Amino acid sequence: MGFYRFEKLKSFHFNPHLSATQGPIIEGEYMYFRRVTKAAGGKGRLHYHPNEFMAFLLEGKISAVVGKGLRSVRPGTLIHIPSNAQHRFIAREDLKYLYVKDRTWTMIGAAADEALPERARSATEVAKDIKAGIYPGGKKAPEKSKAIVEGLGNCFYPFIDKLDAPAASGHCERWTEGANLAFGFIDSPPGHASAEKKAEHELFAYVISGTLEAQVGRTKHRARAGDVIHVPRHASYRIAVSGRHPARYAAVRSTERLEASVARNGASDNWRG
């Protein structure tokens, strides 16, 4: 299936011991794609995980810690969390943001003062432990923590001041590429089309505004604000701006490094496990 709406999917709370974040999940071959929410005042513990994480704010205001840096983040900004980087989000207002993790590890992280488990735990296992009254985190072992605090650089990428700001005059793509994930913010004028006969990478696109006539393989869909387009790696696709108005969307794609890692080690299965 190449097209989704998050409102039609079941919501999950994967890390109740670390974060108040909740939302549906779409499982790709190389990454997990979500749109999550957190109520104002919701806090998370400082934590980390081996997989790379990208968060793009759609609504609300975040106080975000990455490493040792603290930043106030508004809609239109991408937060890049490299592998094992210590991080924490505090919701200053009700939040909604895109949430992407690669599948080299599960959705379950570890507190910053804990060692990682010997193997990646599934969300199903953690949920059973919580129901049984067993705390899912490990013993406090700051000396064994792999959380990275120093040397992360600037992890905040403001793409646009407001998500309803005027569109670019022409087709404009701005990308930030990490080790495993690449995130793009795209403005596209009426009539513009992007296509590949055989997609080089897996791709997810989330429509922010406007209308896209999308085809993935033989399946066609008119995608509007809030719709998700999923293009598996090596699938054919075409995305064209429909009508007289421009379109604005966010996209994330896998990288060669991630694809090679999954080919070599397989992908983590964390919420069915």
Protein backbone atom coordinates (compact mmCIF):
# COMPACT_ATOMS: atom_id res chain seq x y z
CA MET A 1 0.00 0.00 0.00
CA GLY A 2 1.52 3.33 -1.06
CA PHE A 3 -0.86 5.83 0.56
CA TYR A 4 -1.89 6.49 4.17
CA ARG A 5 -3.63 8.89 6.53
CA PHE A 6 -2.49 8.82 10.13
CA GLU A 7 -6.02 9.46 11.41
CA LYS A 8 -7.01 6.04 10.09
CA LEU A 9 -4.19 4.19 11.87
CA LYS A 10 -3.95 2.95 15.45
CA SER A 11 -1.90 5.08 17.84
CA PHE A 12 0.94 3.64 19.95
CA HIS A 13 2.85 4.80 23.02
CA PHE A 14 6.17 3.01 22.57
CA ASN A 15 8.38 4.49 25.31
CA PRO A 16 6.15 5.29 28.32
CA HIS A 17 9.16 5.06 30.64
CA LEU A 18 10.98 7.74 28.64
CA SER A 19 8.49 9.94 26.79
CA ALA A 20 4.83 10.98 26.58
CA THR A 21 4.92 10.88 22.77
CA GLN A 22 2.12 8.93 21.06
CA GLY A 23 1.12 8.25 17.47
CA PRO A 24 0.59 5.77 14.62
CA ILE A 25 3.46 4.08 12.82
CA ILE A 26 4.09 3.15 9.19
CA GLU A 27 6.77 0.50 8.80
CA GLY A 28 8.96 0.78 5.74
CA GLU A 29 11.75 -1.54 4.68
CA TYR A 30 14.42 0.78 6.06
CA MET A 31 12.67 3.21 8.39
CA TYR A 32 9.69 3.94 10.58
CA PHE A 33 7.57 6.96 9.69
CA ARG A 34 5.19 8.52 12.22
CA ARG A 35 3.22 11.65 13.04
CA VAL A 36 3.17 11.96 16.80
CA THR A 37 1.57 14.18 19.44
CA LYS A 38 2.53 15.31 22.92
CA ALA A 39 0.32 17.40 25.22
CA ALA A 40 1.55 20.72 26.57
CA GLY A 41 3.71 20.14 29.61
CA GLY A 42 4.68 16.64 28.46
CA LYS A 43 8.28 15.87 29.26
CA GLY A 44 10.72 13.16 28.34
CA ARG A 45 13.71 11.80 30.22
CA LEU A 46 17.16 12.25 28.77
CA HIS A 47 17.65 9.14 26.66
CA TYR A 48 19.37 7.71 23.58
CA HIS A 49 19.14 4.92 21.02
CA PRO A 50 21.52 3.53 18.38
CA ASN A 51 19.29 4.40 15.43
CA GLU A 52 19.26 7.85 13.85
CA PHE A 53 16.17 9.97 14.51
CA MET A 54 14.71 13.01 12.77
CA ALA A 55 11.81 15.13 14.07
CA PHE A 56 10.11 17.88 12.03
CA LEU A 57 7.79 20.13 13.99
CA LEU A 58 4.32 20.73 12.50
CA GLU A 59 2.48 22.37 15.42
CA GLY A 60 3.37 23.79 18.83
CA LYS A 61 6.63 24.73 20.50
CA ILE A 62 9.38 22.46 21.84
CA SER A 63 12.23 23.02 24.23
CA ALA A 64 14.65 20.47 22.80
CA VAL A 65 17.87 19.15 24.29
CA VAL A 66 20.33 17.42 21.96
CA GLY A 67 23.65 16.58 23.56
CA LYS A 68 24.28 19.55 25.82
CA GLY A 69 22.48 22.09 23.61
CA LEU A 70 19.04 23.51 24.46
CA ARG A 71 16.95 25.14 21.76
CA SER A 72 13.43 26.52 21.47
CA VAL A 73 11.93 25.01 18.31
CA ARG A 74 8.92 26.16 16.30
CA PRO A 75 7.11 24.62 13.29
CA GLY A 76 9.21 24.43 10.15
CA THR A 77 12.37 23.25 11.92
CA LEU A 78 14.00 19.82 11.70
CA ILE A 79 15.71 18.34 14.76
CA HIS A 80 18.41 15.82 13.83
CA ILE A 81 19.31 13.24 16.50
CA PRO A 82 22.43 11.31 15.42
CA SER A 83 22.95 7.73 16.56
CA ASN A 84 23.26 7.50 20.36
CA ALA A 85 22.91 11.27 20.85
CA GLN A 86 21.43 12.19 24.23
CA HIS A 87 18.14 14.06 23.76
CA ARG A 88 14.92 15.20 25.39
CA PHE A 89 11.83 17.15 24.22
CA ILE A 90 9.65 19.29 26.51
CA ALA A 91 6.26 20.37 25.11
CA ARG A 92 5.67 24.07 25.76
CA GLU A 93 2.42 23.78 23.79
CA ASP A 94 0.43 20.87 22.37
CA LEU A 95 2.77 19.30 19.82
CA LYS A 96 2.45 17.54 16.51
CA TYR A 97 5.54 16.48 14.60
CA LEU A 98 6.85 14.05 12.03
CA TYR A 99 9.00 11.36 13.64
CA VAL A 100 11.37 9.18 11.63
CA LYS A 101 13.76 6.47 12.82
CA ASP A 102 15.88 4.07 10.83
CA ARG A 103 15.37 0.33 11.34
CA THR A 104 18.88 -0.54 12.53
CA TRP A 105 17.43 -0.62 16.08
CA THR A 106 13.96 -0.77 17.60
CA MET A 107 11.71 2.09 18.74
CA ILE A 108 12.80 1.45 22.35
CA GLY A 109 15.58 3.61 23.77
CA ALA A 110 17.49 3.68 27.04
CA ALA A 111 17.69 6.39 29.68
CA ALA A 112 20.90 8.43 29.46
CA ASP A 113 22.19 6.90 32.71
CA GLU A 114 21.55 3.31 31.61
CA ALA A 115 23.43 0.83 29.47
CA LEU A 116 21.75 -0.40 26.32
CA PRO A 117 20.24 -3.89 26.56
CA GLU A 118 22.28 -6.71 25.05
CA ARG A 119 19.69 -7.01 22.32
CA ALA A 120 17.12 -4.59 20.97
CA ARG A 121 13.82 -5.09 22.78
CA SER A 122 10.46 -5.03 21.03
CA ALA A 123 7.67 -2.66 21.97
CA THR A 124 5.50 -5.71 22.58
CA GLU A 125 7.95 -7.04 25.17
CA VAL A 126 8.16 -3.66 26.90
CA ALA A 127 4.36 -3.30 26.99
CA LYS A 128 4.06 -6.73 28.65
CA ASP A 129 6.67 -5.78 31.25
CA ILE A 130 4.88 -2.54 32.07
CA LYS A 131 1.54 -4.36 32.41
CA ALA A 132 3.24 -6.84 34.75
CA GLY A 133 4.70 -4.01 36.82
CA ILE A 134 8.25 -4.57 35.64
CA TYR A 135 10.12 -1.41 34.75
CA PRO A 136 11.49 -1.85 31.22
CA GLY A 137 14.69 0.15 31.74
CA GLY A 138 17.96 -1.39 32.78
CA LYS A 139 19.85 -0.84 36.02
CA LYS A 140 21.44 2.56 36.45
CA ALA A 141 24.92 2.29 34.99
CA PRO A 142 26.16 5.72 33.87
CA GLU A 143 29.64 4.30 33.29
CA LYS A 144 28.20 1.86 30.73
CA SER A 145 25.94 4.36 28.96
CA LYS A 146 26.71 4.96 25.29
CA ALA A 147 24.89 8.30 25.25
CA ILE A 148 26.81 10.95 23.30
CA VAL A 149 26.80 14.40 24.85
CA GLU A 150 29.78 16.23 23.32
CA GLY A 151 30.80 17.04 19.76
CA LEU A 152 27.43 16.71 18.03
CA GLY A 153 27.52 20.08 16.28
CA ASN A 154 24.37 22.03 15.39
CA CYS A 155 21.47 19.59 15.17
CA PHE A 156 18.73 22.14 14.37
CA TYR A 157 17.73 22.99 10.78
CA PRO A 158 15.11 25.74 10.28
CA PHE A 159 13.65 25.25 6.80
CA ILE A 160 10.95 27.93 6.94
CA ASP A 161 9.67 30.54 9.44
CA LYS A 162 6.04 29.43 9.18
CA LEU A 163 4.49 26.45 7.44
CA ASP A 164 1.89 28.74 5.84
CA ALA A 165 4.50 31.21 4.57
CA PRO A 166 4.31 32.15 0.85
CA ALA A 167 5.52 29.44 -1.50
CA ALA A 168 8.83 29.63 -3.35
CA SER A 169 8.66 31.11 -6.85
CA GLY A 170 9.94 27.89 -8.41
CA HIS A 171 10.53 24.27 -7.48
CA CYS A 172 12.73 24.32 -4.40
CA GLU A 173 14.11 21.34 -2.48
CA ARG A 174 16.21 21.67 0.67
CA TRP A 175 17.71 18.50 2.09
CA THR A 176 19.62 17.56 5.23
CA GLU A 177 21.37 14.19 5.05
CA GLY A 178 22.49 12.24 8.08
CA ALA A 179 24.24 8.89 8.13
CA ASN A 180 21.10 6.79 7.55
CA LEU A 181 18.28 9.25 6.79
CA ALA A 182 17.87 12.28 4.53
CA PHE A 183 15.11 14.82 5.16
CA GLY A 184 13.76 17.23 2.55
CA PHE A 185 11.45 20.24 2.60
CA ILE A 186 9.90 20.85 -0.83
CA ASP A 187 7.98 23.71 -2.41
CA SER A 188 6.66 22.89 -5.86
CA PRO A 189 4.69 25.04 -8.37
CA PRO A 190 1.58 23.97 -10.30
CA GLY A 191 2.36 21.40 -12.96
CA HIS A 192 5.74 20.35 -11.63
CA ALA A 193 6.40 16.60 -11.58
CA SER A 194 9.05 14.36 -10.07
CA ALA A 195 9.40 10.74 -11.15
CA GLU A 196 11.67 7.70 -11.16
CA LYS A 197 11.16 4.47 -13.08
CA LYS A 198 13.07 2.65 -10.33
CA ALA A 199 13.39 4.58 -7.07
CA GLU A 200 17.00 4.68 -5.90
CA HIS A 201 15.94 4.92 -2.24
CA GLU A 202 12.88 4.29 -0.10
CA LEU A 203 10.84 7.50 0.23
CA PHE A 204 8.06 8.82 2.46
CA ALA A 205 6.35 12.13 1.61
CA TYR A 206 3.93 14.02 3.87
CA VAL A 207 1.71 16.66 2.26
CA ILE A 208 1.65 19.95 4.20
CA SER A 209 -0.43 21.98 1.75
CA GLY A 210 -1.69 21.78 -1.82
CA THR A 211 -2.61 18.70 -3.85
CA LEU A 212 -0.37 16.07 -5.40
CA GLU A 213 -1.37 13.60 -8.09
CA ALA A 214 0.70 10.60 -7.03
CA GLN A 215 1.30 7.20 -8.58
CA VAL A 216 3.31 4.43 -6.94
CA GLY A 217 3.61 1.40 -9.16
CA ARG A 218 0.18 1.11 -10.74
CA THR A 219 -1.70 2.71 -7.84
CA LYS A 220 -2.84 6.32 -8.17
CA HIS A 221 -4.00 8.70 -5.46
CA ARG A 222 -4.82 12.40 -5.15
CA ALA A 223 -2.88 13.35 -2.02
CA ARG A 224 -3.97 16.33 0.04
CA ALA A 225 -2.75 17.91 3.30
CA GLY A 226 -2.11 15.18 5.87
CA ASP A 227 -1.72 12.37 3.34
CA VAL A 228 1.38 10.16 3.28
CA ILE A 229 2.94 8.77 0.10
CA HIS A 230 5.22 5.74 0.52
CA VAL A 231 7.56 4.72 -2.28
CA PRO A 232 9.40 1.43 -1.67
CA ARG A 233 12.96 1.23 -2.94
CA HIS A 234 13.09 0.22 -6.62
CA ALA A 235 9.38 0.99 -7.17
CA SER A 236 8.29 3.34 -9.93
CA TYR A 237 6.60 6.59 -8.93
CA ARG A 238 5.44 9.95 -10.14
CA ILE A 239 4.45 12.93 -7.97
CA ALA A 240 2.91 15.93 -9.74
CA VAL A 241 1.40 19.16 -8.38
CA SER A 242 -2.29 19.28 -9.27
CA GLY A 243 -4.45 22.33 -9.94
CA ARG A 244 -3.58 26.02 -9.95
CA HIS A 245 -1.93 26.21 -6.54
CA PRO A 246 1.56 25.19 -5.40
CA ALA A 247 2.18 22.28 -3.06
CA ARG A 248 4.40 22.00 -0.02
CA TYR A 249 5.53 18.70 1.45
CA ALA A 250 8.15 17.07 3.64
CA ALA A 251 10.00 13.96 2.56
CA VAL A 252 12.45 11.48 4.04
CA ARG A 253 14.51 8.90 2.20
CA SER A 254 16.93 6.12 3.05
CA THR A 255 20.65 6.45 2.32
CA GLU A 256 23.11 4.02 0.76
CA ARG A 257 24.68 3.47 4.18
CA LEU A 258 21.34 2.45 5.74
CA GLU A 259 20.46 0.19 2.82
CA ALA A 260 23.85 -1.55 3.08
CA SER A 261 23.41 -2.00 6.85
CA VAL A 262 19.96 -3.57 6.47
CA ALA A 263 21.20 -5.83 3.66
CA ARG A 264 24.04 -6.97 5.90
CA ASN A 265 22.32 -7.24 9.30
CA GLY A 266 18.59 -7.20 8.60
CA ALA A 267 16.08 -4.65 9.93
CA SER A 268 14.90 -4.53 13.53
CA ASP A 269 11.30 -5.54 14.09
CA ASN A 270 10.30 -3.71 17.22
CA TRP A 271 6.60 -3.37 17.57
CA ARG A 272 5.41 -6.75 16.42
CA GLY A 273 8.22 -8.61 18.14
